[in-house]
Amino acid sequence: MGGATGDAINRARDLGPRRAHAVLPISGKGDSDWGYALTLVADPAVGAALAARLILAIGF
């Protein structure tokens, strides 16, 4: 599930090794699984936007 770098919850610890894995010329390496990396970046942004809309709707 975590791709080449393992299942990391901390985005900073996941994206750096994932970029290095994509760039370095290692023979026989697999895919860097960038589709999963998008989840690590997009999910917190979507959650923050939904929380802000909820707070504005409540009237704080």
PDB file of N, CA and C in Angstrom:
ATOM      1  N   MET A   1       0.810  -1.183   0.000  1.00  0.00           N
ATOM      2  CA  MET A   1       0.000   0.000   0.000  1.00  0.00           C
ATOM      3  C   MET A   1       0.865   1.263   0.000  1.00  0.00           C
ATOM      4  N   GLY A   2       2.013   1.230   0.589  1.00  0.00           N
ATOM      5  CA  GLY A   2       2.827   2.424   0.707  1.00  0.00           C
ATOM      6  C   GLY A   2       3.816   2.640  -0.415  1.00  0.00           C
ATOM      7  N   GLY A   3       3.838   1.810  -1.401  1.00  0.00           N
ATOM      8  CA  GLY A   3       4.756   2.024  -2.520  1.00  0.00           C
ATOM      9  C   GLY A   3       6.189   1.681  -2.166  1.00  0.00           C
ATOM     10  N   ALA A   4       7.084   2.353  -2.808  1.00  0.00           N
ATOM     11  CA  ALA A   4       8.507   2.043  -2.678  1.00  0.00           C
ATOM     12  C   ALA A   4       9.092   2.423  -1.321  1.00  0.00           C
ATOM     13  N   THR A   5       8.513   3.407  -0.655  1.00  0.00           N
ATOM     14  CA  THR A   5       9.097   3.902   0.584  1.00  0.00           C
ATOM     15  C   THR A   5       8.381   3.415   1.828  1.00  0.00           C
ATOM     16  N   GLY A   6       7.362   2.602   1.685  1.00  0.00           N
ATOM     17  CA  GLY A   6       6.611   2.139   2.839  1.00  0.00           C
ATOM     18  C   GLY A   6       5.454   3.067   3.138  1.00  0.00           C
ATOM     19  N   ASP A   7       4.556   2.642   3.965  1.00  0.00           N
ATOM     20  CA  ASP A   7       3.371   3.419   4.289  1.00  0.00           C
ATOM     21  C   ASP A   7       3.732   4.469   5.332  1.00  0.00           C
ATOM     22  N   ALA A   8       3.939   5.707   4.902  1.00  0.00           N
ATOM     23  CA  ALA A   8       4.345   6.779   5.800  1.00  0.00           C
ATOM     24  C   ALA A   8       3.185   7.742   6.021  1.00  0.00           C
ATOM     25  N   ILE A   9       2.920   8.069   7.256  1.00  0.00           N
ATOM     26  CA  ILE A   9       1.877   9.041   7.558  1.00  0.00           C
ATOM     27  C   ILE A   9       2.445  10.458   7.456  1.00  0.00           C
ATOM     28  N   ASN A  10       3.695  10.634   7.800  1.00  0.00           N
ATOM     29  CA  ASN A  10       4.344  11.929   7.727  1.00  0.00           C
ATOM     30  C   ASN A  10       4.736  12.204   6.276  1.00  0.00           C
ATOM     31  N   ARG A  11       4.141  13.225   5.680  1.00  0.00           N
ATOM     32  CA  ARG A  11       4.393  13.529   4.266  1.00  0.00           C
ATOM     33  C   ARG A  11       5.847  13.872   3.989  1.00  0.00           C
ATOM     34  N   ALA A  12       6.502  14.540   4.903  1.00  0.00           N
ATOM     35  CA  ALA A  12       7.898  14.915   4.700  1.00  0.00           C
ATOM     36  C   ALA A  12       8.801  13.691   4.647  1.00  0.00           C
ATOM     37  N   ARG A  13       8.459  12.664   5.388  1.00  0.00           N
ATOM     38  CA  ARG A  13       9.276  11.448   5.386  1.00  0.00           C
ATOM     39  C   ARG A  13       8.928  10.530   4.227  1.00  0.00           C
ATOM     40  N   ASP A  14       7.842  10.792   3.516  1.00  0.00           N
ATOM     41  CA  ASP A  14       7.441   9.953   2.406  1.00  0.00           C
ATOM     42  C   ASP A  14       7.838  10.550   1.060  1.00  0.00           C
ATOM     43  N   LEU A  15       7.633  11.853   0.870  1.00  0.00           N
ATOM     44  CA  LEU A  15       7.841  12.445  -0.448  1.00  0.00           C
ATOM     45  C   LEU A  15       9.314  12.541  -0.832  1.00  0.00           C
ATOM     46  N   GLY A  16      10.204  12.805   0.123  1.00  0.00           N
ATOM     47  CA  GLY A  16      11.632  12.883  -0.195  1.00  0.00           C
ATOM     48  C   GLY A  16      12.189  11.574  -0.736  1.00  0.00           C
ATOM     49  N   PRO A  17      12.029  10.474  -0.017  1.00  0.00           N
ATOM     50  CA  PRO A  17      12.499   9.194  -0.545  1.00  0.00           C
ATOM     51  C   PRO A  17      11.788   8.769  -1.831  1.00  0.00           C
ATOM     52  N   ARG A  18      10.526   9.139  -1.965  1.00  0.00           N
ATOM     53  CA  ARG A  18       9.788   8.794  -3.187  1.00  0.00           C
ATOM     54  C   ARG A  18      10.375   9.527  -4.395  1.00  0.00           C
ATOM     55  N   ARG A  19      10.723  10.814  -4.213  1.00  0.00           N
ATOM     56  CA  ARG A  19      11.367  11.570  -5.301  1.00  0.00           C
ATOM     57  C   ARG A  19      12.730  10.985  -5.635  1.00  0.00           C
ATOM     58  N   ALA A  20      13.503  10.638  -4.618  1.00  0.00           N
ATOM     59  CA  ALA A  20      14.818  10.050  -4.861  1.00  0.00           C
ATOM     60  C   ALA A  20      14.681   8.717  -5.593  1.00  0.00           C
ATOM     61  N   HIS A  21      13.707   7.923  -5.216  1.00  0.00           N
ATOM     62  CA  HIS A  21      13.487   6.635  -5.868  1.00  0.00           C
ATOM     63  C   HIS A  21      13.121   6.829  -7.339  1.00  0.00           C
ATOM     64  N   ALA A  22      12.361   7.877  -7.637  1.00  0.00           N
ATOM     65  CA  ALA A  22      11.951   8.132  -9.017  1.00  0.00           C
ATOM     66  C   ALA A  22      13.121   8.605  -9.876  1.00  0.00           C
ATOM     67  N   VAL A  23      14.070   9.318  -9.291  1.00  0.00           N
ATOM     68  CA  VAL A  23      15.155   9.935 -10.059  1.00  0.00           C
ATOM     69  C   VAL A  23      16.387   9.035 -10.168  1.00  0.00           C
ATOM     70  N   LEU A  24      16.726   8.313  -9.105  1.00  0.00           N
ATOM     71  CA  LEU A  24      17.962   7.530  -9.108  1.00  0.00           C
ATOM     72  C   LEU A  24      17.894   6.351 -10.076  1.00  0.00           C
ATOM     73  N   PRO A  25      18.981   6.123 -10.807  1.00  0.00           N
ATOM     74  CA  PRO A  25      19.004   5.021 -11.778  1.00  0.00           C
ATOM     75  C   PRO A  25      19.351   3.681 -11.116  1.00  0.00           C
ATOM     76  N   ILE A  26      18.383   3.042 -10.509  1.00  0.00           N
ATOM     77  CA  ILE A  26      18.577   1.754  -9.852  1.00  0.00           C
ATOM     78  C   ILE A  26      18.013   0.674 -10.774  1.00  0.00           C
ATOM     79  N   SER A  27      18.819  -0.326 -11.051  1.00  0.00           N
ATOM     80  CA  SER A  27      18.352  -1.373 -11.955  1.00  0.00           C
ATOM     81  C   SER A  27      17.315  -2.258 -11.276  1.00  0.00           C
ATOM     82  N   GLY A  28      16.247  -2.570 -11.997  1.00  0.00           N
ATOM     83  CA  GLY A  28      15.222  -3.466 -11.503  1.00  0.00           C
ATOM     84  C   GLY A  28      14.286  -2.871 -10.468  1.00  0.00           C
ATOM     85  N   LYS A  29      14.297  -1.556 -10.311  1.00  0.00           N
ATOM     86  CA  LYS A  29      13.413  -0.959  -9.304  1.00  0.00           C
ATOM     87  C   LYS A  29      11.979  -0.928  -9.817  1.00  0.00           C
ATOM     88  N   GLY A  30      11.037  -0.908  -8.909  1.00  0.00           N
ATOM     89  CA  GLY A  30       9.626  -0.875  -9.252  1.00  0.00           C
ATOM     90  C   GLY A  30       9.133   0.552  -9.433  1.00  0.00           C
ATOM     91  N   ASP A  31       7.836   0.677  -9.450  1.00  0.00           N
ATOM     92  CA  ASP A  31       7.189   1.968  -9.624  1.00  0.00           C
ATOM     93  C   ASP A  31       7.281   2.781  -8.328  1.00  0.00           C
ATOM     94  N   SER A  32       7.327   4.106  -8.447  1.00  0.00           N
ATOM     95  CA  SER A  32       7.370   4.973  -7.271  1.00  0.00           C
ATOM     96  C   SER A  32       5.994   5.226  -6.681  1.00  0.00           C
ATOM     97  N   ASP A  33       4.928   4.797  -7.352  1.00  0.00           N
ATOM     98  CA  ASP A  33       3.547   4.885  -6.867  1.00  0.00           C
ATOM     99  C   ASP A  33       3.144   6.314  -6.536  1.00  0.00           C
ATOM    100  N   TRP A  34       3.204   7.194  -7.525  1.00  0.00           N
ATOM    101  CA  TRP A  34       2.851   8.590  -7.323  1.00  0.00           C
ATOM    102  C   TRP A  34       1.358   8.793  -7.099  1.00  0.00           C
ATOM    103  N   GLY A  35       0.521   7.860  -7.518  1.00  0.00           N
ATOM    104  CA  GLY A  35      -0.907   7.979  -7.254  1.00  0.00           C
ATOM    105  C   GLY A  35      -1.210   7.982  -5.768  1.00  0.00           C
ATOM    106  N   TYR A  36      -0.483   7.181  -5.022  1.00  0.00           N
ATOM    107  CA  TYR A  36      -0.650   7.142  -3.570  1.00  0.00           C
ATOM    108  C   TYR A  36      -0.064   8.403  -2.938  1.00  0.00           C
ATOM    109  N   ALA A  37       0.998   8.952  -3.497  1.00  0.00           N
ATOM    110  CA  ALA A  37       1.616  10.154  -2.948  1.00  0.00           C
ATOM    111  C   ALA A  37       0.664  11.344  -3.031  1.00  0.00           C
ATOM    112  N   LEU A  38      -0.163  11.372  -4.053  1.00  0.00           N
ATOM    113  CA  LEU A  38      -1.132  12.450  -4.174  1.00  0.00           C
ATOM    114  C   LEU A  38      -2.098  12.442  -2.992  1.00  0.00           C
ATOM    115  N   THR A  39      -2.435  11.276  -2.504  1.00  0.00           N
ATOM    116  CA  THR A  39      -3.310  11.158  -1.343  1.00  0.00           C
ATOM    117  C   THR A  39      -2.672  11.810  -0.117  1.00  0.00           C
ATOM    118  N   LEU A  40      -1.379  11.652   0.053  1.00  0.00           N
ATOM    119  CA  LEU A  40      -0.692  12.234   1.210  1.00  0.00           C
ATOM    120  C   LEU A  40      -0.710  13.756   1.176  1.00  0.00           C
ATOM    121  N   VAL A  41      -0.745  14.334  -0.013  1.00  0.00           N
ATOM    122  CA  VAL A  41      -0.729  15.788  -0.140  1.00  0.00           C
ATOM    123  C   VAL A  41      -2.145  16.353  -0.189  1.00  0.00           C
ATOM    124  N   ALA A  42      -3.052  15.685  -0.895  1.00  0.00           N
ATOM    125  CA  ALA A  42      -4.390  16.230  -1.117  1.00  0.00           C
ATOM    126  C   ALA A  42      -5.317  16.047   0.084  1.00  0.00           C
ATOM    127  N   ASP A  43      -5.225  14.950   0.789  1.00  0.00           N
ATOM    128  CA  ASP A  43      -6.156  14.684   1.885  1.00  0.00           C
ATOM    129  C   ASP A  43      -6.147  15.760   2.979  1.00  0.00           C
ATOM    130  N   PRO A  44      -4.987  16.199   3.470  1.00  0.00           N
ATOM    131  CA  PRO A  44      -5.015  17.255   4.492  1.00  0.00           C
ATOM    132  C   PRO A  44      -5.581  18.572   3.967  1.00  0.00           C
ATOM    133  N   ALA A  45      -5.325  18.898   2.704  1.00  0.00           N
ATOM    134  CA  ALA A  45      -5.852  20.140   2.133  1.00  0.00           C
ATOM    135  C   ALA A  45      -7.372  20.076   2.004  1.00  0.00           C
ATOM    136  N   VAL A  46      -7.888  18.952   1.555  1.00  0.00           N
ATOM    137  CA  VAL A  46      -9.338  18.783   1.438  1.00  0.00           C
ATOM    138  C   VAL A  46      -9.988  18.804   2.821  1.00  0.00           C
ATOM    139  N   GLY A  47      -9.382  18.150   3.777  1.00  0.00           N
ATOM    140  CA  GLY A  47      -9.917  18.148   5.136  1.00  0.00           C
ATOM    141  C   GLY A  47      -9.938  19.542   5.753  1.00  0.00           C
ATOM    142  N   ALA A  48      -8.907  20.314   5.527  1.00  0.00           N
ATOM    143  CA  ALA A  48      -8.855  21.681   6.052  1.00  0.00           C
ATOM    144  C   ALA A  48      -9.926  22.558   5.401  1.00  0.00           C
ATOM    145  N   ALA A  49     -10.122  22.404   4.095  1.00  0.00           N
ATOM    146  CA  ALA A  49     -11.144  23.189   3.405  1.00  0.00           C
ATOM    147  C   ALA A  49     -12.542  22.827   3.904  1.00  0.00           C
ATOM    148  N   LEU A  50     -12.810  21.529   4.107  1.00  0.00           N
ATOM    149  CA  LEU A  50     -14.115  21.119   4.625  1.00  0.00           C
ATOM    150  C   LEU A  50     -14.338  21.616   6.053  1.00  0.00           C
ATOM    151  N   ALA A  51     -13.295  21.576   6.875  1.00  0.00           N
ATOM    152  CA  ALA A  51     -13.417  22.074   8.248  1.00  0.00           C
ATOM    153  C   ALA A  51     -13.673  23.569   8.270  1.00  0.00           C
ATOM    154  N   ALA A  52     -13.011  24.315   7.402  1.00  0.00           N
ATOM    155  CA  ALA A  52     -13.228  25.763   7.344  1.00  0.00           C
ATOM    156  C   ALA A  52     -14.659  26.086   6.903  1.00  0.00           C
ATOM    157  N   ARG A  53     -15.166  25.342   5.918  1.00  0.00           N
ATOM    158  CA  ARG A  53     -16.544  25.558   5.473  1.00  0.00           C
ATOM    159  C   ARG A  53     -17.535  25.227   6.597  1.00  0.00           C
ATOM    160  N   LEU A  54     -17.257  24.192   7.342  1.00  0.00           N
ATOM    161  CA  LEU A  54     -18.130  23.814   8.457  1.00  0.00           C
ATOM    162  C   LEU A  54     -18.145  24.903   9.529  1.00  0.00           C
ATOM    163  N   ILE A  55     -16.981  25.417   9.871  1.00  0.00           N
ATOM    164  CA  ILE A  55     -16.891  26.461  10.884  1.00  0.00           C
ATOM    165  C   ILE A  55     -17.614  27.731  10.425  1.00  0.00           C
ATOM    166  N   LEU A  56     -17.456  28.084   9.143  1.00  0.00           N
ATOM    167  CA  LEU A  56     -18.146  29.256   8.622  1.00  0.00           C
ATOM    168  C   LEU A  56     -19.672  29.042   8.586  1.00  0.00           C
ATOM    169  N   ALA A  57     -20.092  27.816   8.307  1.00  0.00           N
ATOM    170  CA  ALA A  57     -21.523  27.521   8.267  1.00  0.00           C
ATOM    171  C   ALA A  57     -22.141  27.557   9.660  1.00  0.00           C
ATOM    172  N   ILE A  58     -21.372  27.145  10.657  1.00  0.00           N
ATOM    173  CA  ILE A  58     -21.873  27.176  12.028  1.00  0.00           C
ATOM    174  C   ILE A  58     -21.957  28.604  12.537  1.00  0.00           C
ATOM    175  N   GLY A  59     -21.033  29.443  12.105  1.00  0.00           N
ATOM    176  CA  GLY A  59     -21.080  30.864  12.474  1.00  0.00           C
ATOM    177  C   GLY A  59     -20.087  31.267  13.555  1.00  0.00           C
ATOM    178  N   PHE A  60     -18.992  30.572  13.655  1.00  0.00           N
ATOM    179  CA  PHE A  60     -17.972  30.967  14.643  1.00  0.00           C
ATOM    180  C   PHE A  60     -17.266  32.211  14.214  1.00  0.00           C
TER     181      PHE A  60
END
